[in-house]
Amino acid sequence: MGQERLKEGSIRRSSSRSTLLPGLQAARKRRALSQRELAALAGIGSGTISDLETGRRGAYPTTIRRITNSLGISALDLME
């Protein structure tokens, strides 16, 4: 009901509200943070950071806000 069945290895795209963050890994590394450290600062799971960095999933606006606040950068920095 309302849930898509995903083939193994497919990318999960939950809605058009999620945004890929190709600049996340570089931004995190510029701050010399591990994925776990950024996740703790942002109040999200380290698995989420991993999935966002590899492009396995996109981020919702709330998650983007938490990450940008933790890194002290703009959302545009994460999208470049």
C-alpha atoms as a PDB file:
ATOM      1  CA  MET A   1       0.000   0.000   0.000  1.00  0.00           C
ATOM      2  CA  GLY A   2       1.729   3.122  -1.193  1.00  0.00           C
ATOM      3  CA  GLN A   3       5.162   1.564  -0.839  1.00  0.00           C
ATOM      4  CA  GLU A   4       7.296   0.886  -3.868  1.00  0.00           C
ATOM      5  CA  ARG A   5       9.103  -2.391  -4.195  1.00  0.00           C
ATOM      6  CA  LEU A   6      12.760  -1.776  -4.877  1.00  0.00           C
ATOM      7  CA  LYS A   7      15.090  -3.979  -6.829  1.00  0.00           C
ATOM      8  CA  GLU A   8      18.321  -4.886  -5.106  1.00  0.00           C
ATOM      9  CA  GLY A   9      20.900  -2.155  -5.669  1.00  0.00           C
ATOM     10  CA  SER A  10      18.379   0.456  -6.756  1.00  0.00           C
ATOM     11  CA  ILE A  11      18.480   3.990  -5.469  1.00  0.00           C
ATOM     12  CA  ARG A  12      15.744   4.923  -3.033  1.00  0.00           C
ATOM     13  CA  ARG A  13      14.003   8.144  -3.986  1.00  0.00           C
ATOM     14  CA  SER A  14      11.244   8.829  -1.524  1.00  0.00           C
ATOM     15  CA  SER A  15       9.866  12.002  -3.083  1.00  0.00           C
ATOM     16  CA  SER A  16      10.664  15.077  -5.056  1.00  0.00           C
ATOM     17  CA  ARG A  17      11.236  16.897  -1.762  1.00  0.00           C
ATOM     18  CA  SER A  18      14.531  15.126  -1.198  1.00  0.00           C
ATOM     19  CA  THR A  19      17.730  16.608  -2.596  1.00  0.00           C
ATOM     20  CA  LEU A  20      21.025  14.948  -3.444  1.00  0.00           C
ATOM     21  CA  LEU A  21      24.031  16.517  -1.712  1.00  0.00           C
ATOM     22  CA  PRO A  22      27.114  15.959  -3.876  1.00  0.00           C
ATOM     23  CA  GLY A  23      29.166  18.471  -1.856  1.00  0.00           C
ATOM     24  CA  LEU A  24      28.503  16.913   1.551  1.00  0.00           C
ATOM     25  CA  GLN A  25      31.596  14.745   1.804  1.00  0.00           C
ATOM     26  CA  ALA A  26      33.964  17.562   0.803  1.00  0.00           C
ATOM     27  CA  ALA A  27      32.293  19.967   3.238  1.00  0.00           C
ATOM     28  CA  ARG A  28      32.550  17.431   6.063  1.00  0.00           C
ATOM     29  CA  LYS A  29      36.202  16.740   5.316  1.00  0.00           C
ATOM     30  CA  ARG A  30      37.037  20.484   5.222  1.00  0.00           C
ATOM     31  CA  ARG A  31      35.819  20.568   8.832  1.00  0.00           C
ATOM     32  CA  ALA A  32      37.927  17.472   9.622  1.00  0.00           C
ATOM     33  CA  LEU A  33      34.872  15.581  10.899  1.00  0.00           C
ATOM     34  CA  SER A  34      34.130  11.893  10.629  1.00  0.00           C
ATOM     35  CA  GLN A  35      30.688  10.787   9.496  1.00  0.00           C
ATOM     36  CA  ARG A  36      29.890   9.835  13.084  1.00  0.00           C
ATOM     37  CA  GLU A  37      30.988  13.212  14.422  1.00  0.00           C
ATOM     38  CA  LEU A  38      28.875  15.115  11.887  1.00  0.00           C
ATOM     39  CA  ALA A  39      25.909  12.848  12.550  1.00  0.00           C
ATOM     40  CA  ALA A  40      26.168  13.518  16.299  1.00  0.00           C
ATOM     41  CA  LEU A  41      26.419  17.283  15.760  1.00  0.00           C
ATOM     42  CA  ALA A  42      23.439  17.266  13.401  1.00  0.00           C
ATOM     43  CA  GLY A  43      21.349  14.874  15.483  1.00  0.00           C
ATOM     44  CA  ILE A  44      20.952  12.318  12.697  1.00  0.00           C
ATOM     45  CA  GLY A  45      22.229   8.781  12.146  1.00  0.00           C
ATOM     46  CA  SER A  46      25.703   8.117  10.788  1.00  0.00           C
ATOM     47  CA  GLY A  47      24.132   5.737   8.258  1.00  0.00           C
ATOM     48  CA  THR A  48      22.156   8.676   6.927  1.00  0.00           C
ATOM     49  CA  ILE A  49      25.356  10.674   6.423  1.00  0.00           C
ATOM     50  CA  SER A  50      26.875   7.711   4.585  1.00  0.00           C
ATOM     51  CA  ASP A  51      23.810   7.314   2.351  1.00  0.00           C
ATOM     52  CA  LEU A  52      23.754  11.034   1.574  1.00  0.00           C
ATOM     53  CA  GLU A  53      27.446  11.126   0.704  1.00  0.00           C
ATOM     54  CA  THR A  54      27.214   8.168  -1.660  1.00  0.00           C
ATOM     55  CA  GLY A  55      24.015   9.403  -3.301  1.00  0.00           C
ATOM     56  CA  ARG A  56      21.985   6.398  -2.192  1.00  0.00           C
ATOM     57  CA  ARG A  57      19.358   8.833  -0.953  1.00  0.00           C
ATOM     58  CA  GLY A  58      18.514  12.488  -0.917  1.00  0.00           C
ATOM     59  CA  ALA A  59      17.981  14.727   2.080  1.00  0.00           C
ATOM     60  CA  TYR A  60      14.812  16.427   3.199  1.00  0.00           C
ATOM     61  CA  PRO A  61      14.903  20.158   4.036  1.00  0.00           C
ATOM     62  CA  THR A  62      15.029  19.494   7.788  1.00  0.00           C
ATOM     63  CA  THR A  63      18.059  17.240   7.386  1.00  0.00           C
ATOM     64  CA  ILE A  64      19.787  19.777   5.130  1.00  0.00           C
ATOM     65  CA  ARG A  65      19.178  22.486   7.732  1.00  0.00           C
ATOM     66  CA  ARG A  66      20.642  20.329  10.506  1.00  0.00           C
ATOM     67  CA  ILE A  67      23.736  19.554   8.443  1.00  0.00           C
ATOM     68  CA  THR A  68      24.314  23.138   7.300  1.00  0.00           C
ATOM     69  CA  ASN A  69      23.894  24.451  10.836  1.00  0.00           C
ATOM     70  CA  SER A  70      26.388  21.877  12.100  1.00  0.00           C
ATOM     71  CA  LEU A  71      28.947  22.695   9.409  1.00  0.00           C
ATOM     72  CA  GLY A  72      28.330  26.456   9.369  1.00  0.00           C
ATOM     73  CA  ILE A  73      27.741  26.526   5.610  1.00  0.00           C
ATOM     74  CA  SER A  74      24.904  27.257   3.192  1.00  0.00           C
ATOM     75  CA  ALA A  75      22.721  24.636   1.547  1.00  0.00           C
ATOM     76  CA  LEU A  76      24.171  25.643  -1.827  1.00  0.00           C
ATOM     77  CA  ASP A  77      27.592  24.493  -0.619  1.00  0.00           C
ATOM     78  CA  LEU A  78      26.188  20.975  -0.240  1.00  0.00           C
ATOM     79  CA  MET A  79      24.629  20.942  -3.688  1.00  0.00           C
ATOM     80  CA  GLU A  80      27.801  21.848  -5.621  1.00  0.00           C
END
